[in-house]
Amino acid sequence: MATHLVWFRLDLRIEDNLALAAACRDPDARVMAVFIVTPRQWQQHHMAPRQHWWIEQHVRGLHQALAARQIPLHCITASDYRDGTHRLVAFCRQHRVDRLFYNYQYEVNERDRDAQLEHLLAGQVVCQGFDDSVLLAPGSITTGSGGMYKVFTPFSRACLQRLRVDVPYPVAAPGGRQGHLPQPVAPPLPFSAPSQPVDGQLFAPGEAAARERLTVFCQQRLADYPGARDYPALDGVSGLSPWLAIGALSPRQCLHQALLAQPDALSGGPGLVWVTELLWREFYRHLLVAWPDLCRHRPFIPWTDNIVWSRDQTRLKAWQSGHTGYPIVDAAMRQLNHTGWMHNRLRMISASFLVKDLLIDWRAGERYFISTLVDGDLAANNGGWQWSASTGTDAAPYFRIFNPTTQGARFDPEGVFIRRWLPELAHVPGSEVHQPWRWAQQQGVTLDYPPPIVEHKLARAATLEAYQAARQPTGEAQ
């Protein structure tokens, strides 16, 4: 009897899991599963304690779901990927594993780990990987010359054209393994990694909770998504990123539900706007494979490495804690610090402020986000920060600099979101909340809120000068 082993990584679900489905296809095979906890590696990658906790809850749920199908899930603790690889090889030999199934991860450390594992198991265990966390495999969407797209719009058009012809539908969860009664495996022990619980009212653990949230969003709010998505005071976005980040939900499930609610979602209408956001996620994953240096926090545009960044730690800490004196930035950062999540429009605003108002290296912001977010995802986080910093592929031009005051007035006009997270401004009326220092001066009152740490107009000029100076050594036109 063949023994099949499923190696779960950040694909913590039984529904629409390509590796799990493939492992269970042979009804006569014995199927086992494994998850490897690597606390030191997670620390090196600056994974947030919230995400440690979030993963642990989903591993526990996965253990129960697999046990109900007579598939034992073994949890192995290793210090890092190298140690985990050797422990997995030993596990395969101990249990006489014939075939190992797993879903690809696209970051450079993870790809190196998988290559090492395949080398160690060569001739002993057949390894089979799957492009499970994407709609279309990296390398399958290319330009006319066969290269990876550097600009999102033509990439997304090519993806949509392919998807209209061949929509990848989800695969069903496996049934029980009839005739197989494996020895029960004890539930996973608490992870030996820093842990911080997530508010269950905001994000309930489990793939069932993810599927329910997806269904409600597509049925009730998808039609309004284009007009509501940029306003953080509204419940206008899906909020599915925490589950997507750890694979408790797949992009195929998202696309399928969108098409059920909006059958024209691949060609037009409000559904297309949300599907396009899924394709941004796709774009950033494809880029990691085409340009692995992105995983090493290198800028895509070489000359931006010449920028002389500020090393002002006081300003960095003010940004991190939400005390910059710019209400929309501070409200965004306090939402992040309190919940482990931030609205996407606010991610752009707060990132732009750090880089282009404070002239602080985008990598400091990228690191802070990944160390705080429950939905931390290297591809999306790096892509978003490099877009805001004008250092990445298809990034905002370096001279595009958000004005944090006008951004706040545009996307939170009456300050509803700002007052939710900055209670010290609760008594500042209406739109005055976007420049509370000016209102306080006019009223002759003192606010328990700091004045702006920089003057935007002067900061903008200094940033433009720094970027222009960085371009000069390359000989590029000014």
Protein backbone atom coordinates (compact mmCIF):
# COMPACT_ATOMS: atom_id res chain seq x y z
CA MET A 1 0.00 0.00 0.00
CA ALA A 2 1.39 3.39 -1.01
CA THR A 3 1.88 6.10 1.60
CA HIS A 4 1.17 9.68 0.59
CA LEU A 5 2.28 12.63 2.72
CA VAL A 6 0.82 16.14 2.41
CA TRP A 7 3.13 18.89 3.64
CA PHE A 8 1.00 21.85 4.71
CA ARG A 9 2.65 25.26 4.69
CA LEU A 10 0.64 28.46 4.19
CA ASP A 11 -2.27 26.56 2.62
CA LEU A 12 -4.17 25.81 5.81
CA ARG A 13 -7.47 24.51 4.44
CA ILE A 14 -9.06 21.29 3.23
CA GLU A 15 -11.38 22.91 0.66
CA ASP A 16 -9.77 23.60 -2.72
CA ASN A 17 -6.33 22.44 -1.65
CA LEU A 18 -4.61 21.09 -4.76
CA ALA A 19 -1.89 19.15 -2.94
CA LEU A 20 -4.36 17.54 -0.53
CA ALA A 21 -6.77 16.65 -3.33
CA ALA A 22 -3.99 15.03 -5.36
CA ALA A 23 -2.71 13.03 -2.38
CA CYS A 24 -6.20 11.66 -1.76
CA ARG A 25 -6.97 10.76 -5.37
CA ASP A 26 -5.77 7.18 -4.97
CA PRO A 27 -8.44 5.51 -2.79
CA ASP A 28 -6.05 2.76 -1.74
CA ALA A 29 -3.23 5.02 -0.52
CA ARG A 30 -2.58 5.74 3.12
CA VAL A 31 -2.63 9.55 3.50
CA MET A 32 -0.80 11.45 6.22
CA ALA A 33 -0.14 15.17 6.75
CA VAL A 34 2.57 17.24 8.37
CA PHE A 35 3.07 20.86 9.42
CA ILE A 36 6.49 22.18 10.43
CA VAL A 37 6.76 25.01 12.98
CA THR A 38 9.92 27.08 12.41
CA PRO A 39 10.00 29.84 15.04
CA ARG A 40 13.55 31.05 14.35
CA GLN A 41 12.86 31.30 10.63
CA TRP A 42 9.65 33.22 11.32
CA GLN A 43 11.61 35.58 13.55
CA GLN A 44 14.18 36.14 10.80
CA HIS A 45 11.31 37.00 8.46
CA HIS A 46 9.86 39.41 11.07
CA MET A 47 6.54 37.57 11.17
CA ALA A 48 4.08 39.26 13.50
CA PRO A 49 3.14 37.55 16.80
CA ARG A 50 -0.46 38.00 15.68
CA GLN A 51 0.23 35.94 12.60
CA HIS A 52 1.96 33.27 14.71
CA TRP A 53 -1.27 33.00 16.72
CA TRP A 54 -3.44 33.11 13.60
CA ILE A 55 -1.50 30.26 11.98
CA GLU A 56 -1.63 28.19 15.17
CA GLN A 57 -5.42 28.48 15.37
CA HIS A 58 -5.77 27.34 11.77
CA VAL A 59 -3.37 24.43 12.25
CA ARG A 60 -5.51 23.28 15.18
CA GLY A 61 -8.65 23.53 13.05
CA LEU A 62 -6.90 21.70 10.23
CA HIS A 63 -5.92 18.90 12.64
CA GLN A 64 -9.58 18.37 13.53
CA ALA A 65 -10.83 18.54 9.94
CA LEU A 66 -8.25 16.03 8.74
CA ALA A 67 -8.82 13.70 11.70
CA ALA A 68 -12.51 13.55 10.75
CA ARG A 69 -11.34 12.21 7.38
CA GLN A 70 -8.97 9.66 8.93
CA ILE A 71 -5.91 11.71 7.90
CA PRO A 72 -3.50 12.28 10.81
CA LEU A 73 -1.73 15.64 10.97
CA HIS A 74 1.71 15.56 12.62
CA CYS A 75 3.24 18.80 13.90
CA ILE A 76 7.05 19.00 13.88
CA THR A 77 8.98 21.81 15.54
CA ALA A 78 12.27 22.84 13.93
CA SER A 79 14.39 25.91 14.42
CA ASP A 80 14.49 26.99 10.78
CA TYR A 81 13.98 25.75 7.23
CA ARG A 82 17.24 23.81 7.09
CA ASP A 83 16.46 21.95 10.29
CA GLY A 84 12.87 21.43 9.15
CA THR A 85 14.00 19.93 5.87
CA HIS A 86 16.17 17.33 7.59
CA ARG A 87 13.39 16.48 10.04
CA LEU A 88 10.96 16.02 7.17
CA VAL A 89 13.37 13.69 5.36
CA ALA A 90 13.65 11.62 8.54
CA PHE A 91 9.84 11.58 8.87
CA CYS A 92 9.47 10.32 5.30
CA ARG A 93 11.93 7.51 5.93
CA GLN A 94 10.36 6.57 9.26
CA HIS A 95 6.87 6.28 7.76
CA ARG A 96 7.99 4.83 4.42
CA VAL A 97 6.48 7.67 2.42
CA ASP A 98 6.27 7.02 -1.31
CA ARG A 99 4.98 10.39 -2.53
CA LEU A 100 5.18 13.87 -1.02
CA PHE A 101 2.64 16.53 -2.05
CA TYR A 102 2.88 20.24 -1.35
CA ASN A 103 1.79 23.60 -2.71
CA TYR A 104 4.47 25.94 -3.96
CA GLN A 105 5.65 29.01 -2.10
CA TYR A 106 7.37 31.61 -4.25
CA GLU A 107 9.71 33.44 -1.88
CA VAL A 108 13.39 32.76 -2.46
CA ASN A 109 14.12 31.08 0.91
CA GLU A 110 11.14 28.80 0.48
CA ARG A 111 12.09 27.88 -3.07
CA ASP A 112 15.64 27.09 -1.96
CA ARG A 113 14.25 24.94 0.88
CA ASP A 114 12.07 22.95 -1.53
CA ALA A 115 14.95 22.43 -3.96
CA GLN A 116 17.12 21.11 -1.13
CA LEU A 117 14.36 18.76 0.01
CA GLU A 118 13.83 17.37 -3.48
CA HIS A 119 17.57 16.78 -3.75
CA LEU A 120 17.69 14.92 -0.43
CA LEU A 121 14.67 12.75 -1.34
CA ALA A 122 15.73 12.03 -4.92
CA GLY A 123 15.34 8.36 -5.74
CA GLN A 124 13.45 7.70 -2.50
CA VAL A 125 10.29 9.81 -2.51
CA VAL A 126 8.46 11.30 -5.48
CA CYS A 127 7.86 15.02 -4.81
CA GLN A 128 4.95 16.80 -6.48
CA GLY A 129 4.24 20.54 -6.15
CA PHE A 130 1.25 22.62 -7.19
CA ASP A 131 0.58 26.27 -8.05
CA ASP A 132 -2.17 26.53 -5.45
CA SER A 133 -1.96 30.10 -4.13
CA VAL A 134 -2.38 31.73 -7.56
CA LEU A 135 -4.97 31.66 -10.31
CA LEU A 136 -2.31 31.28 -12.99
CA ALA A 137 1.15 29.77 -12.54
CA PRO A 138 4.12 32.16 -12.46
CA GLY A 139 5.75 32.15 -15.86
CA SER A 140 2.50 31.33 -17.67
CA ILE A 141 1.62 35.00 -18.33
CA THR A 142 4.37 36.56 -20.42
CA THR A 143 4.96 39.39 -22.85
CA GLY A 144 5.29 38.87 -26.59
CA SER A 145 9.04 38.41 -26.12
CA GLY A 146 8.50 35.77 -23.43
CA GLY A 147 9.42 37.86 -20.39
CA MET A 148 7.52 38.80 -17.27
CA TYR A 149 5.38 41.92 -17.44
CA LYS A 150 6.79 44.92 -15.58
CA VAL A 151 3.55 46.90 -15.74
CA PHE A 152 0.34 45.76 -14.09
CA THR A 153 -2.24 46.88 -16.65
CA PRO A 154 -1.06 44.70 -19.58
CA PHE A 155 -0.41 41.86 -17.12
CA SER A 156 -3.97 42.04 -15.85
CA ARG A 157 -5.37 42.20 -19.39
CA ALA A 158 -3.44 39.05 -20.29
CA CYS A 159 -4.68 37.31 -17.13
CA LEU A 160 -8.29 38.24 -17.81
CA GLN A 161 -8.02 37.04 -21.39
CA ARG A 162 -6.72 33.67 -20.16
CA LEU A 163 -9.30 33.38 -17.38
CA ARG A 164 -12.21 34.08 -19.72
CA VAL A 165 -11.17 31.03 -21.72
CA ASP A 166 -10.36 28.75 -18.80
CA VAL A 167 -11.66 29.60 -15.33
CA PRO A 168 -9.88 27.55 -12.62
CA TYR A 169 -12.65 26.27 -10.38
CA PRO A 170 -12.13 25.06 -6.79
CA VAL A 171 -11.72 21.37 -6.04
CA ALA A 172 -13.78 19.70 -3.34
CA ALA A 173 -12.44 18.71 0.05
CA PRO A 174 -11.55 15.02 0.24
CA GLY A 175 -13.94 12.57 1.82
CA GLY A 176 -13.12 10.15 4.59
CA ARG A 177 -10.45 7.55 3.90
CA GLN A 178 -12.59 4.42 4.00
CA GLY A 179 -10.77 1.36 5.28
CA HIS A 180 -7.97 3.45 6.79
CA LEU A 181 -7.93 3.74 10.56
CA PRO A 182 -4.66 5.47 11.42
CA GLN A 183 -3.53 5.88 14.99
CA PRO A 184 -4.91 9.20 16.31
CA VAL A 185 -2.39 12.02 16.62
CA ALA A 186 -2.57 14.39 19.60
CA PRO A 187 -3.51 18.01 18.83
CA PRO A 188 -0.56 20.32 18.17
CA LEU A 189 1.22 21.69 21.19
CA PRO A 190 1.34 25.48 21.60
CA PHE A 191 3.81 26.97 19.16
CA SER A 192 7.14 27.98 20.64
CA ALA A 193 6.91 31.45 19.11
CA PRO A 194 5.73 34.84 20.41
CA SER A 195 1.95 34.94 20.16
CA GLN A 196 -0.68 37.69 20.25
CA PRO A 197 -4.39 36.87 19.85
CA VAL A 198 -6.49 38.55 17.19
CA ASP A 199 -9.90 40.03 17.96
CA GLY A 200 -12.36 37.32 16.92
CA GLN A 201 -15.04 39.91 16.29
CA LEU A 202 -12.88 41.28 13.48
CA PHE A 203 -11.32 38.05 12.22
CA ALA A 204 -12.65 34.68 13.33
CA PRO A 205 -10.20 31.82 12.82
CA GLY A 206 -11.10 28.97 10.52
CA GLU A 207 -11.73 28.33 6.87
CA ALA A 208 -15.48 28.08 7.48
CA ALA A 209 -15.43 31.66 8.78
CA ALA A 210 -13.45 32.71 5.72
CA ARG A 211 -15.91 31.09 3.31
CA GLU A 212 -18.85 32.68 5.09
CA ARG A 213 -17.26 36.12 4.96
CA LEU A 214 -16.47 35.67 1.27
CA THR A 215 -20.04 34.63 0.48
CA VAL A 216 -21.58 37.54 2.40
CA PHE A 217 -19.24 40.03 0.74
CA CYS A 218 -19.94 38.81 -2.77
CA GLN A 219 -23.69 38.61 -2.26
CA GLN A 220 -24.20 41.83 -0.32
CA ARG A 221 -21.34 44.26 -0.96
CA LEU A 222 -19.55 43.35 -4.17
CA ALA A 223 -21.90 45.49 -6.26
CA ASP A 224 -20.98 48.55 -4.19
CA TYR A 225 -17.26 47.79 -4.02
CA PRO A 226 -16.02 50.27 -6.67
CA GLY A 227 -17.62 53.24 -4.92
CA ALA A 228 -16.98 52.18 -1.32
CA ARG A 229 -13.54 50.57 -1.32
CA ASP A 230 -11.50 53.75 -0.77
CA TYR A 231 -13.40 55.00 2.30
CA PRO A 232 -12.13 53.43 5.53
CA ALA A 233 -15.17 54.54 7.54
CA LEU A 234 -17.36 52.31 5.35
CA ASP A 235 -17.57 48.53 5.40
CA GLY A 236 -16.63 48.54 1.74
CA VAL A 237 -13.82 45.99 1.40
CA SER A 238 -13.83 42.22 1.79
CA GLY A 239 -11.36 42.04 4.69
CA LEU A 240 -10.33 38.57 3.48
CA SER A 241 -6.58 39.20 3.44
CA PRO A 242 -5.80 37.47 6.79
CA TRP A 243 -7.20 34.17 5.49
CA LEU A 244 -5.67 34.57 2.03
CA ALA A 245 -2.25 35.26 3.54
CA ILE A 246 -2.09 31.88 5.28
CA GLY A 247 -4.04 29.96 2.66
CA ALA A 248 -7.19 29.38 4.71
CA LEU A 249 -8.91 30.70 1.57
CA SER A 250 -7.81 30.36 -2.05
CA PRO A 251 -7.97 32.86 -4.93
CA ARG A 252 -10.00 30.29 -6.89
CA GLN A 253 -12.66 30.31 -4.19
CA CYS A 254 -12.70 34.11 -4.34
CA LEU A 255 -13.04 34.20 -8.11
CA HIS A 256 -15.74 31.52 -8.10
CA GLN A 257 -17.88 33.39 -5.56
CA ALA A 258 -17.41 36.66 -7.45
CA LEU A 259 -18.64 35.01 -10.65
CA LEU A 260 -21.64 33.51 -8.88
CA ALA A 261 -22.63 36.97 -7.67
CA GLN A 262 -21.55 38.89 -10.80
CA PRO A 263 -21.38 36.58 -13.85
CA ASP A 264 -19.68 39.33 -15.88
CA ALA A 265 -16.92 39.86 -13.29
CA LEU A 266 -14.20 38.91 -15.79
CA SER A 267 -15.37 41.36 -18.42
CA GLY A 268 -16.95 44.35 -16.73
CA GLY A 269 -19.23 45.62 -14.02
CA PRO A 270 -18.43 46.11 -10.34
CA GLY A 271 -17.15 42.55 -9.96
CA LEU A 272 -14.26 43.27 -12.31
CA VAL A 273 -12.91 45.95 -9.97
CA TRP A 274 -12.56 43.41 -7.15
CA VAL A 275 -11.18 40.70 -9.44
CA THR A 276 -8.56 43.22 -10.55
CA GLU A 277 -7.48 43.55 -6.92
CA LEU A 278 -7.02 39.77 -6.83
CA LEU A 279 -4.83 40.15 -9.91
CA TRP A 280 -2.61 42.71 -8.10
CA ARG A 281 -1.97 39.94 -5.57
CA GLU A 282 -1.20 37.63 -8.50
CA PHE A 283 1.12 40.19 -10.10
CA TYR A 284 3.28 40.54 -7.01
CA ARG A 285 3.66 36.76 -6.67
CA HIS A 286 4.70 36.41 -10.30
CA LEU A 287 7.25 39.18 -9.80
CA LEU A 288 8.92 37.33 -6.90
CA VAL A 289 9.63 34.41 -9.21
CA ALA A 290 10.87 36.58 -12.08
CA TRP A 291 13.02 38.82 -9.85
CA PRO A 292 14.07 36.93 -6.68
CA ASP A 293 16.05 39.95 -5.43
CA LEU A 294 12.70 41.47 -4.44
CA CYS A 295 12.66 38.87 -1.66
CA ARG A 296 15.98 40.29 -0.49
CA HIS A 297 14.43 43.76 -0.14
CA ARG A 298 16.27 45.13 -3.12
CA PRO A 299 14.58 47.90 -5.12
CA PHE A 300 13.44 47.02 -8.61
CA ILE A 301 14.70 50.37 -9.92
CA PRO A 302 18.49 50.35 -9.28
CA TRP A 303 19.09 54.09 -9.03
CA THR A 304 16.71 54.37 -6.06
CA ASP A 305 19.39 52.64 -3.99
CA ASN A 306 21.29 55.93 -4.22
CA ILE A 307 18.68 57.86 -2.23
CA VAL A 308 20.10 59.29 0.97
CA TRP A 309 17.49 58.37 3.56
CA SER A 310 16.86 60.10 6.86
CA ARG A 311 17.88 58.16 9.96
CA ASP A 312 15.63 60.15 12.30
CA GLN A 313 14.48 57.50 14.78
CA THR A 314 12.25 59.94 16.66
CA ARG A 315 10.20 60.56 13.54
CA LEU A 316 10.11 56.85 12.72
CA LYS A 317 8.73 56.08 16.18
CA ALA A 318 6.17 58.88 15.86
CA TRP A 319 4.96 57.29 12.63
CA GLN A 320 4.91 53.81 14.15
CA SER A 321 2.87 54.90 17.17
CA GLY A 322 0.48 57.21 15.33
CA HIS A 323 1.72 60.56 16.66
CA THR A 324 2.77 62.45 13.52
CA GLY A 325 0.23 65.26 13.82
CA TYR A 326 -1.46 64.19 10.57
CA PRO A 327 -4.79 62.65 11.60
CA ILE A 328 -5.40 60.25 8.71
CA VAL A 329 -1.87 58.84 9.05
CA ASP A 330 -2.14 58.51 12.82
CA ALA A 331 -5.58 56.91 12.69
CA ALA A 332 -4.28 54.40 10.15
CA MET A 333 -1.27 53.47 12.27
CA ARG A 334 -3.36 53.10 15.41
CA GLN A 335 -5.77 50.84 13.56
CA LEU A 336 -2.79 48.72 12.54
CA ASN A 337 -1.30 48.61 16.02
CA HIS A 338 -4.62 47.77 17.67
CA THR A 339 -6.04 45.24 15.20
CA GLY A 340 -3.13 43.96 13.10
CA TRP A 341 -4.89 45.10 9.94
CA MET A 342 -5.11 48.31 7.91
CA HIS A 343 -7.44 49.44 5.15
CA ASN A 344 -5.67 49.37 1.77
CA ARG A 345 -6.16 53.07 0.98
CA LEU A 346 -4.60 53.86 4.33
CA ARG A 347 -1.65 51.58 3.61
CA MET A 348 -0.85 53.75 0.61
CA ILE A 349 -1.30 57.00 2.54
CA SER A 350 0.76 55.94 5.56
CA ALA A 351 3.50 54.45 3.38
CA SER A 352 3.71 57.58 1.25
CA PHE A 353 3.99 59.70 4.39
CA LEU A 354 6.86 57.69 5.85
CA VAL A 355 8.87 57.67 2.63
CA LYS A 356 8.02 60.97 0.99
CA ASP A 357 7.26 63.25 3.92
CA LEU A 358 9.74 61.84 6.41
CA LEU A 359 12.23 60.55 3.79
CA ILE A 360 12.70 57.34 5.76
CA ASP A 361 13.79 54.19 3.93
CA TRP A 362 10.76 52.22 2.70
CA ARG A 363 12.32 49.03 4.08
CA ALA A 364 11.82 50.32 7.63
CA GLY A 365 8.12 50.65 6.92
CA GLU A 366 7.93 47.33 5.13
CA ARG A 367 9.54 45.63 8.14
CA TYR A 368 7.22 47.35 10.61
CA PHE A 369 4.14 46.36 8.67
CA ILE A 370 5.15 42.69 8.34
CA SER A 371 6.00 42.57 12.06
CA THR A 372 2.55 43.90 12.99
CA LEU A 373 0.08 42.63 10.37
CA VAL A 374 -2.07 39.56 10.85
CA ASP A 375 -2.24 39.39 7.03
CA GLY A 376 1.51 39.72 6.51
CA ASP A 377 2.46 38.57 3.01
CA LEU A 378 5.91 39.26 1.57
CA ALA A 379 4.81 39.63 -2.05
CA ALA A 380 1.94 42.02 -1.39
CA ASN A 381 3.72 43.94 1.38
CA ASN A 382 6.91 44.42 -0.63
CA GLY A 383 4.96 45.28 -3.75
CA GLY A 384 2.85 47.86 -1.96
CA TRP A 385 5.80 49.52 -0.27
CA GLN A 386 7.86 49.66 -3.44
CA TRP A 387 4.87 51.13 -5.28
CA SER A 388 4.50 53.87 -2.65
CA ALA A 389 8.26 54.51 -2.53
CA SER A 390 8.55 54.67 -6.35
CA THR A 391 11.27 52.03 -6.22
CA GLY A 392 9.40 49.08 -7.73
CA THR A 393 8.09 47.83 -11.03
CA ASP A 394 5.00 49.75 -12.13
CA ALA A 395 5.45 52.03 -9.14
CA ALA A 396 3.99 55.48 -8.68
CA PRO A 397 6.29 58.07 -10.31
CA TYR A 398 8.71 59.44 -7.72
CA PHE A 399 7.22 62.92 -8.05
CA ARG A 400 3.75 61.62 -7.09
CA ILE A 401 3.58 62.51 -3.42
CA PHE A 402 0.34 62.23 -1.46
CA ASN A 403 -0.68 65.24 0.58
CA PRO A 404 -1.82 63.58 3.82
CA THR A 405 -4.22 66.38 4.68
CA THR A 406 -6.04 66.35 1.35
CA GLN A 407 -6.02 62.55 1.30
CA GLY A 408 -7.77 62.55 4.66
CA ALA A 409 -10.30 65.14 3.52
CA ARG A 410 -11.02 63.16 0.35
CA PHE A 411 -11.39 59.67 1.79
CA ASP A 412 -12.69 60.45 5.29
CA PRO A 413 -14.42 63.80 4.63
CA GLU A 414 -16.23 64.13 7.96
CA GLY A 415 -13.50 62.44 9.97
CA VAL A 416 -15.61 59.47 11.05
CA PHE A 417 -12.71 57.03 10.78
CA ILE A 418 -10.25 59.50 12.28
CA ARG A 419 -12.36 60.06 15.40
CA ARG A 420 -12.80 56.30 15.83
CA TRP A 421 -9.04 55.90 16.33
CA LEU A 422 -8.08 59.35 17.65
CA PRO A 423 -10.48 59.96 20.56
CA GLU A 424 -8.48 63.06 21.54
CA LEU A 425 -9.98 64.72 18.44
CA ALA A 426 -13.56 63.69 19.16
CA HIS A 427 -14.63 67.25 19.94
CA VAL A 428 -13.07 68.80 16.81
CA PRO A 429 -16.04 69.53 14.52
CA GLY A 430 -16.66 68.20 11.01
CA SER A 431 -13.94 68.53 8.42
CA GLU A 432 -11.84 70.66 10.80
CA VAL A 433 -10.51 67.35 12.10
CA HIS A 434 -8.10 67.16 9.16
CA GLN A 435 -6.22 70.24 10.42
CA PRO A 436 -7.03 70.20 14.13
CA TRP A 437 -4.08 72.40 15.05
CA ARG A 438 -5.50 75.22 12.90
CA TRP A 439 -8.95 74.84 14.50
CA ALA A 440 -7.42 74.77 18.01
CA GLN A 441 -5.49 77.97 17.31
CA GLN A 442 -8.62 79.71 16.06
CA GLN A 443 -10.60 78.59 19.10
CA GLY A 444 -7.84 79.29 21.58
CA VAL A 445 -7.89 75.77 22.94
CA THR A 446 -5.15 73.21 23.61
CA LEU A 447 -5.31 69.78 22.07
CA ASP A 448 -3.95 66.58 23.55
CA TYR A 449 -2.58 65.85 20.09
CA PRO A 450 0.81 66.69 18.60
CA PRO A 451 1.40 69.34 15.93
CA PRO A 452 2.66 68.08 12.55
CA ILE A 453 6.20 66.74 12.81
CA VAL A 454 6.96 68.08 9.31
CA GLU A 455 5.47 70.73 7.05
CA HIS A 456 4.24 68.87 3.99
CA LYS A 457 5.21 71.45 1.38
CA LEU A 458 8.80 71.67 2.62
CA ALA A 459 9.04 67.89 3.05
CA ARG A 460 7.82 67.37 -0.51
CA ALA A 461 10.48 69.69 -1.88
CA ALA A 462 13.22 67.93 0.11
CA THR A 463 12.05 64.52 -1.13
CA LEU A 464 12.02 65.61 -4.77
CA GLU A 465 15.53 66.93 -4.36
CA ALA A 466 16.72 63.67 -2.78
CA TYR A 467 15.23 61.54 -5.55
CA GLN A 468 16.57 63.79 -8.29
CA ALA A 469 20.06 63.72 -6.74
CA ALA A 470 19.89 59.91 -6.57
CA ARG A 471 19.21 59.70 -10.30
CA GLN A 472 22.21 61.78 -11.36
CA PRO A 473 24.93 59.09 -11.13
CA THR A 474 23.01 56.92 -13.62
CA GLY A 475 23.09 59.59 -16.30
CA GLU A 476 19.33 59.56 -16.63
CA ALA A 477 17.58 62.63 -17.98
CA GLN A 478 16.40 65.00 -15.29
